[in-house]
């Protein structure tokens, strides 16, 4: 759209020098402006809608966002990468309601840190022992490159060993196959969701961190 806007003067100048009536030229300029304005507006609306939908329902460990992005990848024939980042120091001892407030805060800080360095529509959620990253429109190689950028920005977030990446469609074309390949536990360890949308963890985020990660901000929670 930017290229079209830049080309408009070059397209209109020859017409202005021709014998075409001025009112036709004016109408042409107005029509071109409307087309550019509408295209930019639609693009922004799509981006805004995506921010609000990619993490909707993340109380199931990101499964709703996972299903939605997988469906989008199928429909548009685009790649989708899922990354599992082990975080044993901050999450290894977390077990449902028995987890301490200190451990939950450490978990929240990990997810918050990832959400700050990734794209706004990437999805980040956590399960005991792991942080999962859902990276739309990236294949494995691009996901590795994205992780390297994260490592350069915040090296403590990405360990040198244990990181796993799977991608649609190379490693599976169904949600179940991809979740199995990446070792994702959608229901959490105690049969319930164990993600950053749990009320107790939201309270900790508000009280101790002062802000919520992208996933919670985009949900409006």
C-alpha atoms as a PDB file:
ATOM      1  CA  UNK A   1       0.000   0.000   0.000  1.00  0.00           C
ATOM      2  CA  UNK A   2       2.875   2.347   0.735  1.00  0.00           C
ATOM      3  CA  UNK A   3       4.334   1.631  -2.688  1.00  0.00           C
ATOM      4  CA  UNK A   4       0.990   2.408  -4.313  1.00  0.00           C
ATOM      5  CA  UNK A   5       0.785   5.712  -2.464  1.00  0.00           C
ATOM      6  CA  UNK A   6       4.285   6.628  -3.624  1.00  0.00           C
ATOM      7  CA  UNK A   7       3.476   5.723  -7.212  1.00  0.00           C
ATOM      8  CA  UNK A   8       0.308   7.826  -7.340  1.00  0.00           C
ATOM      9  CA  UNK A   9       2.086  11.127  -8.200  1.00  0.00           C
ATOM     10  CA  UNK A  10       3.995   9.411 -11.013  1.00  0.00           C
ATOM     11  CA  UNK A  11       0.764   7.966 -12.370  1.00  0.00           C
ATOM     12  CA  UNK A  12      -1.251  11.165 -12.088  1.00  0.00           C
ATOM     13  CA  UNK A  13       1.345  13.631 -13.473  1.00  0.00           C
ATOM     14  CA  UNK A  14       1.103  12.378 -17.093  1.00  0.00           C
ATOM     15  CA  UNK A  15      -2.672  12.535 -16.853  1.00  0.00           C
ATOM     16  CA  UNK A  16      -2.525  16.110 -15.577  1.00  0.00           C
ATOM     17  CA  UNK A  17      -0.508  17.111 -18.617  1.00  0.00           C
ATOM     18  CA  UNK A  18      -3.049  15.545 -20.961  1.00  0.00           C
ATOM     19  CA  UNK A  19      -6.275  17.074 -22.244  1.00  0.00           C
ATOM     20  CA  UNK A  20      -8.466  15.219 -19.753  1.00  0.00           C
ATOM     21  CA  UNK A  21     -10.885  17.609 -17.973  1.00  0.00           C
ATOM     22  CA  UNK A  22      -9.765  18.694 -14.513  1.00  0.00           C
ATOM     23  CA  UNK A  23     -12.852  17.350 -12.788  1.00  0.00           C
ATOM     24  CA  UNK A  24     -12.138  13.848 -14.095  1.00  0.00           C
ATOM     25  CA  UNK A  25      -8.585  14.103 -12.769  1.00  0.00           C
ATOM     26  CA  UNK A  26      -9.901  15.278  -9.401  1.00  0.00           C
ATOM     27  CA  UNK A  27     -12.340  12.366  -9.292  1.00  0.00           C
ATOM     28  CA  UNK A  28      -9.520   9.969 -10.140  1.00  0.00           C
ATOM     29  CA  UNK A  29      -7.347  11.332  -7.322  1.00  0.00           C
ATOM     30  CA  UNK A  30     -10.220  11.026  -4.850  1.00  0.00           C
ATOM     31  CA  UNK A  31     -10.928   7.433  -5.900  1.00  0.00           C
ATOM     32  CA  UNK A  32      -7.261   6.472  -5.554  1.00  0.00           C
ATOM     33  CA  UNK A  33      -7.148   8.058  -2.114  1.00  0.00           C
ATOM     34  CA  UNK A  34     -10.230   6.131  -1.018  1.00  0.00           C
ATOM     35  CA  UNK A  35      -8.727   2.844  -2.223  1.00  0.00           C
ATOM     36  CA  UNK A  36      -5.470   3.433  -0.323  1.00  0.00           C
ATOM     37  CA  UNK A  37      -7.293   4.566   2.818  1.00  0.00           C
ATOM     38  CA  UNK A  38      -9.620   1.541   2.768  1.00  0.00           C
ATOM     39  CA  UNK A  39      -6.760  -0.902   2.206  1.00  0.00           C
ATOM     40  CA  UNK A  40      -4.733   0.525   5.097  1.00  0.00           C
ATOM     41  CA  UNK A  41      -7.793   0.508   7.349  1.00  0.00           C
ATOM     42  CA  UNK A  42      -8.575  -3.130   6.570  1.00  0.00           C
ATOM     43  CA  UNK A  43      -4.983  -4.138   7.228  1.00  0.00           C
ATOM     44  CA  UNK A  44      -4.929  -2.369  10.586  1.00  0.00           C
ATOM     45  CA  UNK A  45      -8.282  -3.882  11.548  1.00  0.00           C
ATOM     46  CA  UNK A  46      -6.990  -7.349  10.727  1.00  0.00           C
ATOM     47  CA  UNK A  47      -3.855  -6.809  12.810  1.00  0.00           C
ATOM     48  CA  UNK A  48      -5.881  -5.508  15.760  1.00  0.00           C
ATOM     49  CA  UNK A  49      -8.344  -8.389  15.547  1.00  0.00           C
ATOM     50  CA  UNK A  50      -5.513 -10.867  15.434  1.00  0.00           C
ATOM     51  CA  UNK A  51      -3.953  -9.441  18.581  1.00  0.00           C
ATOM     52  CA  UNK A  52      -7.211  -9.989  20.437  1.00  0.00           C
ATOM     53  CA  UNK A  53      -7.908 -13.468  19.088  1.00  0.00           C
ATOM     54  CA  UNK A  54      -4.537 -15.197  19.158  1.00  0.00           C
ATOM     55  CA  UNK A  55      -4.584 -15.511  22.944  1.00  0.00           C
ATOM     56  CA  UNK A  56      -8.309 -15.668  23.608  1.00  0.00           C
ATOM     57  CA  UNK A  57      -9.047 -18.686  25.763  1.00  0.00           C
ATOM     58  CA  UNK A  58      -5.450 -19.106  26.857  1.00  0.00           C
ATOM     59  CA  UNK A  59      -6.759 -20.494  30.159  1.00  0.00           C
ATOM     60  CA  UNK A  60      -6.435 -23.885  28.464  1.00  0.00           C
ATOM     61  CA  UNK A  61      -2.685 -23.573  28.297  1.00  0.00           C
ATOM     62  CA  UNK A  62      -2.824 -21.753  24.987  1.00  0.00           C
ATOM     63  CA  UNK A  63      -4.885 -24.482  23.309  1.00  0.00           C
ATOM     64  CA  UNK A  64      -7.558 -22.160  21.899  1.00  0.00           C
ATOM     65  CA  UNK A  65      -4.915 -19.880  20.408  1.00  0.00           C
ATOM     66  CA  UNK A  66      -3.093 -22.972  19.169  1.00  0.00           C
ATOM     67  CA  UNK A  67      -6.179 -24.309  17.370  1.00  0.00           C
ATOM     68  CA  UNK A  68      -6.994 -20.898  15.913  1.00  0.00           C
ATOM     69  CA  UNK A  69      -3.504 -20.286  14.540  1.00  0.00           C
ATOM     70  CA  UNK A  70      -3.293 -23.834  13.190  1.00  0.00           C
ATOM     71  CA  UNK A  71      -6.572 -23.334  11.346  1.00  0.00           C
ATOM     72  CA  UNK A  72      -5.274 -20.038   9.929  1.00  0.00           C
ATOM     73  CA  UNK A  73      -2.062 -21.743   8.814  1.00  0.00           C
ATOM     74  CA  UNK A  74      -4.057 -24.431   6.998  1.00  0.00           C
ATOM     75  CA  UNK A  75      -6.393 -21.981   5.286  1.00  0.00           C
ATOM     76  CA  UNK A  76      -3.624 -19.683   4.074  1.00  0.00           C
ATOM     77  CA  UNK A  77      -1.024 -22.401   3.472  1.00  0.00           C
ATOM     78  CA  UNK A  78       1.448 -20.780   5.855  1.00  0.00           C
ATOM     79  CA  UNK A  79       3.925 -22.296   8.312  1.00  0.00           C
ATOM     80  CA  UNK A  80       3.452 -22.322  12.067  1.00  0.00           C
ATOM     81  CA  UNK A  81       6.202 -23.002  14.601  1.00  0.00           C
ATOM     82  CA  UNK A  82       5.812 -24.166  18.196  1.00  0.00           C
ATOM     83  CA  UNK A  83       8.750 -23.856  20.573  1.00  0.00           C
ATOM     84  CA  UNK A  84       9.236 -25.526  23.951  1.00  0.00           C
ATOM     85  CA  UNK A  85      11.755 -23.763  26.184  1.00  0.00           C
ATOM     86  CA  UNK A  86      12.653 -25.617  29.408  1.00  0.00           C
ATOM     87  CA  UNK A  87      12.870 -23.422  32.493  1.00  0.00           C
ATOM     88  CA  UNK A  88      13.770 -25.765  35.345  1.00  0.00           C
ATOM     89  CA  UNK A  89      15.015 -23.079  37.708  1.00  0.00           C
ATOM     90  CA  UNK A  90      11.776 -21.111  37.818  1.00  0.00           C
ATOM     91  CA  UNK A  91       9.149 -23.737  37.049  1.00  0.00           C
ATOM     92  CA  UNK A  92      10.395 -27.205  37.865  1.00  0.00           C
ATOM     93  CA  UNK A  93       8.894 -27.251  41.356  1.00  0.00           C
ATOM     94  CA  UNK A  94       5.486 -25.816  40.446  1.00  0.00           C
ATOM     95  CA  UNK A  95       2.618 -28.257  41.011  1.00  0.00           C
ATOM     96  CA  UNK A  96      -0.832 -26.720  40.713  1.00  0.00           C
ATOM     97  CA  UNK A  97      -2.293 -25.009  43.778  1.00  0.00           C
ATOM     98  CA  UNK A  98       0.650 -26.127  45.926  1.00  0.00           C
ATOM     99  CA  UNK A  99       2.982 -23.787  44.054  1.00  0.00           C
ATOM    100  CA  UNK A 100       4.357 -20.933  46.108  1.00  0.00           C
ATOM    101  CA  UNK A 101       3.711 -17.287  45.334  1.00  0.00           C
ATOM    102  CA  UNK A 102       7.433 -16.806  44.812  1.00  0.00           C
ATOM    103  CA  UNK A 103       7.537 -19.607  42.237  1.00  0.00           C
ATOM    104  CA  UNK A 104       4.523 -18.216  40.410  1.00  0.00           C
ATOM    105  CA  UNK A 105       6.124 -14.797  40.278  1.00  0.00           C
ATOM    106  CA  UNK A 106       9.269 -16.290  38.751  1.00  0.00           C
ATOM    107  CA  UNK A 107       7.114 -18.086  36.194  1.00  0.00           C
ATOM    108  CA  UNK A 108       5.242 -14.880  35.385  1.00  0.00           C
ATOM    109  CA  UNK A 109       8.503 -13.008  34.939  1.00  0.00           C
ATOM    110  CA  UNK A 110       9.723 -15.583  32.409  1.00  0.00           C
ATOM    111  CA  UNK A 111       6.562 -15.298  30.332  1.00  0.00           C
ATOM    112  CA  UNK A 112       6.536 -11.516  30.625  1.00  0.00           C
ATOM    113  CA  UNK A 113      10.140 -11.355  29.441  1.00  0.00           C
ATOM    114  CA  UNK A 114       9.382 -13.517  26.399  1.00  0.00           C
ATOM    115  CA  UNK A 115       6.306 -11.466  25.523  1.00  0.00           C
ATOM    116  CA  UNK A 116       8.411  -8.298  25.536  1.00  0.00           C
ATOM    117  CA  UNK A 117      10.961  -9.530  23.005  1.00  0.00           C
ATOM    118  CA  UNK A 118       8.668 -11.450  20.634  1.00  0.00           C
ATOM    119  CA  UNK A 119       6.213 -10.084  18.075  1.00  0.00           C
ATOM    120  CA  UNK A 120       2.959  -8.658  19.400  1.00  0.00           C
ATOM    121  CA  UNK A 121       0.868 -11.499  17.956  1.00  0.00           C
ATOM    122  CA  UNK A 122       3.130 -14.341  19.096  1.00  0.00           C
ATOM    123  CA  UNK A 123       1.576 -16.356  21.916  1.00  0.00           C
ATOM    124  CA  UNK A 124       3.427 -17.205  25.125  1.00  0.00           C
ATOM    125  CA  UNK A 125       2.158 -19.489  27.876  1.00  0.00           C
ATOM    126  CA  UNK A 126       3.619 -21.744  30.533  1.00  0.00           C
ATOM    127  CA  UNK A 127       3.295 -25.185  32.028  1.00  0.00           C
ATOM    128  CA  UNK A 128       5.401 -26.592  34.866  1.00  0.00           C
ATOM    129  CA  UNK A 129       8.934 -26.947  33.568  1.00  0.00           C
ATOM    130  CA  UNK A 130       8.379 -25.266  30.205  1.00  0.00           C
ATOM    131  CA  UNK A 131       7.475 -22.058  28.451  1.00  0.00           C
ATOM    132  CA  UNK A 132       5.755 -22.532  25.082  1.00  0.00           C
ATOM    133  CA  UNK A 133       5.972 -20.086  22.194  1.00  0.00           C
ATOM    134  CA  UNK A 134       3.500 -20.111  19.315  1.00  0.00           C
ATOM    135  CA  UNK A 135       5.070 -18.346  16.333  1.00  0.00           C
ATOM    136  CA  UNK A 136       2.637 -17.810  13.426  1.00  0.00           C
ATOM    137  CA  UNK A 137       3.986 -17.683   9.857  1.00  0.00           C
ATOM    138  CA  UNK A 138       7.444 -18.980  10.841  1.00  0.00           C
ATOM    139  CA  UNK A 139       9.001 -22.255   9.737  1.00  0.00           C
ATOM    140  CA  UNK A 140      11.676 -24.084  11.744  1.00  0.00           C
ATOM    141  CA  UNK A 141      14.604 -22.130  10.369  1.00  0.00           C
ATOM    142  CA  UNK A 142      12.848 -18.817  10.960  1.00  0.00           C
ATOM    143  CA  UNK A 143      11.879 -19.907  14.476  1.00  0.00           C
ATOM    144  CA  UNK A 144      15.522 -20.751  15.233  1.00  0.00           C
ATOM    145  CA  UNK A 145      16.526 -17.316  13.953  1.00  0.00           C
ATOM    146  CA  UNK A 146      13.879 -15.699  16.151  1.00  0.00           C
ATOM    147  CA  UNK A 147      15.205 -17.572  19.192  1.00  0.00           C
ATOM    148  CA  UNK A 148      18.723 -16.422  18.400  1.00  0.00           C
ATOM    149  CA  UNK A 149      17.501 -12.828  18.406  1.00  0.00           C
ATOM    150  CA  UNK A 150      15.841 -13.452  21.774  1.00  0.00           C
ATOM    151  CA  UNK A 151      19.068 -15.001  23.092  1.00  0.00           C
ATOM    152  CA  UNK A 152      21.050 -11.934  22.036  1.00  0.00           C
ATOM    153  CA  UNK A 153      18.537  -9.665  23.748  1.00  0.00           C
ATOM    154  CA  UNK A 154      17.981 -11.756  26.885  1.00  0.00           C
ATOM    155  CA  UNK A 155      20.393 -14.696  26.917  1.00  0.00           C
ATOM    156  CA  UNK A 156      19.053 -16.056  30.212  1.00  0.00           C
ATOM    157  CA  UNK A 157      15.667 -16.848  28.637  1.00  0.00           C
ATOM    158  CA  UNK A 158      16.883 -19.404  26.091  1.00  0.00           C
ATOM    159  CA  UNK A 159      19.111 -22.225  27.388  1.00  0.00           C
ATOM    160  CA  UNK A 160      21.737 -23.693  25.104  1.00  0.00           C
ATOM    161  CA  UNK A 161      20.250 -27.182  25.441  1.00  0.00           C
ATOM    162  CA  UNK A 162      16.769 -28.617  25.683  1.00  0.00           C
ATOM    163  CA  UNK A 163      14.940 -26.204  23.367  1.00  0.00           C
ATOM    164  CA  UNK A 164      12.621 -28.025  20.967  1.00  0.00           C
ATOM    165  CA  UNK A 165      10.918 -26.708  17.833  1.00  0.00           C
ATOM    166  CA  UNK A 166       8.201 -28.355  15.771  1.00  0.00           C
ATOM    167  CA  UNK A 167       6.399 -26.872  12.807  1.00  0.00           C
ATOM    168  CA  UNK A 168       3.297 -27.247  10.694  1.00  0.00           C
ATOM    169  CA  UNK A 169       3.169 -29.054   8.327  1.00  0.00           C
ATOM    170  CA  UNK A 170       6.546 -30.847   8.588  1.00  0.00           C
ATOM    171  CA  UNK A 171       5.950 -32.387  12.029  1.00  0.00           C
ATOM    172  CA  UNK A 172       2.191 -32.810  11.863  1.00  0.00           C
ATOM    173  CA  UNK A 173      -0.945 -31.405  10.336  1.00  0.00           C
ATOM    174  CA  UNK A 174      -3.309 -31.870  13.279  1.00  0.00           C
ATOM    175  CA  UNK A 175      -3.333 -30.215  16.680  1.00  0.00           C
ATOM    176  CA  UNK A 176      -2.933 -33.556  18.436  1.00  0.00           C
ATOM    177  CA  UNK A 177       0.083 -34.572  16.375  1.00  0.00           C
ATOM    178  CA  UNK A 178       1.863 -31.260  16.940  1.00  0.00           C
ATOM    179  CA  UNK A 179       1.066 -31.176  20.651  1.00  0.00           C
ATOM    180  CA  UNK A 180       2.379 -34.716  21.033  1.00  0.00           C
ATOM    181  CA  UNK A 181       5.531 -33.856  19.083  1.00  0.00           C
ATOM    182  CA  UNK A 182       6.300 -30.834  21.251  1.00  0.00           C
ATOM    183  CA  UNK A 183       5.346 -32.476  24.555  1.00  0.00           C
ATOM    184  CA  UNK A 184       2.510 -30.087  25.294  1.00  0.00           C
ATOM    185  CA  UNK A 185       0.184 -30.886  28.190  1.00  0.00           C
ATOM    186  CA  UNK A 186      -2.957 -28.905  27.356  1.00  0.00           C
ATOM    187  CA  UNK A 187      -4.717 -29.750  30.607  1.00  0.00           C
ATOM    188  CA  UNK A 188      -1.749 -29.066  32.897  1.00  0.00           C
ATOM    189  CA  UNK A 189      -0.355 -31.447  35.488  1.00  0.00           C
ATOM    190  CA  UNK A 190      -3.401 -31.637  37.735  1.00  0.00           C
ATOM    191  CA  UNK A 191      -6.103 -31.922  35.078  1.00  0.00           C
ATOM    192  CA  UNK A 192      -6.696 -28.188  35.115  1.00  0.00           C
ATOM    193  CA  UNK A 193      -5.224 -25.315  33.209  1.00  0.00           C
ATOM    194  CA  UNK A 194      -1.980 -23.975  34.621  1.00  0.00           C
ATOM    195  CA  UNK A 195      -1.419 -20.804  32.645  1.00  0.00           C
ATOM    196  CA  UNK A 196      -1.013 -17.100  33.211  1.00  0.00           C
ATOM    197  CA  UNK A 197      -4.753 -16.466  33.027  1.00  0.00           C
ATOM    198  CA  UNK A 198      -5.460 -18.025  36.411  1.00  0.00           C
ATOM    199  CA  UNK A 199      -6.845 -15.363  38.776  1.00  0.00           C
ATOM    200  CA  UNK A 200      -4.237 -15.982  41.499  1.00  0.00           C
ATOM    201  CA  UNK A 201      -1.385 -15.413  39.074  1.00  0.00           C
ATOM    202  CA  UNK A 202      -3.017 -12.306  37.600  1.00  0.00           C
ATOM    203  CA  UNK A 203      -3.152 -10.841  41.111  1.00  0.00           C
ATOM    204  CA  UNK A 204       0.557 -11.534  41.584  1.00  0.00           C
ATOM    205  CA  UNK A 205       1.340  -9.898  38.254  1.00  0.00           C
ATOM    206  CA  UNK A 206      -0.617  -6.777  39.132  1.00  0.00           C
ATOM    207  CA  UNK A 207       0.763  -6.527  42.661  1.00  0.00           C
ATOM    208  CA  UNK A 208       4.417  -7.407  42.131  1.00  0.00           C
ATOM    209  CA  UNK A 209       5.215  -6.820  38.453  1.00  0.00           C
ATOM    210  CA  UNK A 210       2.951  -3.870  37.825  1.00  0.00           C
ATOM    211  CA  UNK A 211       1.917  -5.065  34.358  1.00  0.00           C
ATOM    212  CA  UNK A 212       0.665  -8.124  32.540  1.00  0.00           C
ATOM    213  CA  UNK A 213       2.288  -9.871  29.587  1.00  0.00           C
ATOM    214  CA  UNK A 214       1.058  -9.375  26.017  1.00  0.00           C
ATOM    215  CA  UNK A 215      -1.248 -12.369  26.286  1.00  0.00           C
ATOM    216  CA  UNK A 216      -3.235 -10.821  29.139  1.00  0.00           C
ATOM    217  CA  UNK A 217      -3.202  -7.286  27.721  1.00  0.00           C
ATOM    218  CA  UNK A 218      -4.570  -8.484  24.391  1.00  0.00           C
ATOM    219  CA  UNK A 219      -7.336 -10.379  26.187  1.00  0.00           C
ATOM    220  CA  UNK A 220      -8.332  -7.241  28.041  1.00  0.00           C
ATOM    221  CA  UNK A 221      -8.093  -9.056  31.371  1.00  0.00           C
END
